[in-house]
Amino acid sequence: MLLSIIIPVFNEAEELPSLLGHLALSGGRDREVIVVDGGSGDGSLQLAKRMGVQIICSERGRARQMNAGAAGAKGDVLLFLHADTRLPSSAEQTLETALQQEEGAHCHVWGRFDVRIAGRPLLLRVVAALMNWRSRLSGIATGDQAMFMTRRAFDAAGGFPDQPLMEDVEMSKRLLALSRPVCLAERVTTSGRRWEAHGVWKTIWLMWRLRWLYWRGVPAAELAGLYR
């Protein structure tokens, strides 16, 4: 199995050295790392080039960047990773085994990891636990949980929808038509920088409000303005 790790970035020069160094130390031979730059102006592209990973330039927008990365990937399995998220050491072996598991008469074709949010506020542990629980119940994954899927599943779903927000939610809905997700108990660790910068309670309220409005049919383009 060849694993393609696709990392969409925009002005992530602070995170990239740590992330790419982490991947280099933990990596096996059967994978490729692809950084998809959306027009960074802080040297992210140059950093990625110096660290020897594959580079793809794309229009800005996480969905567009992830689709561009998938188009240039050679892997049988695609894993989409945020620049501020770190994979567990056993990630490759775990997801390969998981995608071979059967659910009834069908194999799983996609999944995600549990998430841990790094940061000082103790409430972040509760937030992460609720994210993991909600995802198991609903079958909806978030980008922070390092979504992965077979190439065939990605193609069958038509890739990520070209929208500025909730692309992970919409992609999960498309993939649910193919199989339930594998919800791995191994945890990725994602940065709590957004939560700490804007306040944990304020961010919780914002994220639940956005999901509620999206469920009610408010267009993602309109919600993106609220998110920013």
Foldseek 3Di string as FASTA:
>chain_A
DAEEEEEEDAQVPVQQVVQLVLCVVLDDPRYAYEYEYQDHDNCPVVVVVVSPGHYHYFHDAVQGSQVRSLVPDDDQKYWYAYSQKAFDSCVVVVVVVQQQDADVPHGAFKAFEQAQEDDDDPCSRVVSVVLLVVCVVPLQHDNNRTIMGGSVLCVQLVGFDPFRPCSSRSSSVSSVVVHRHDYHHGYMYGYCVVCVVVPVVVVVVLVVVLVVVVVVPDGRNVSVVVVD
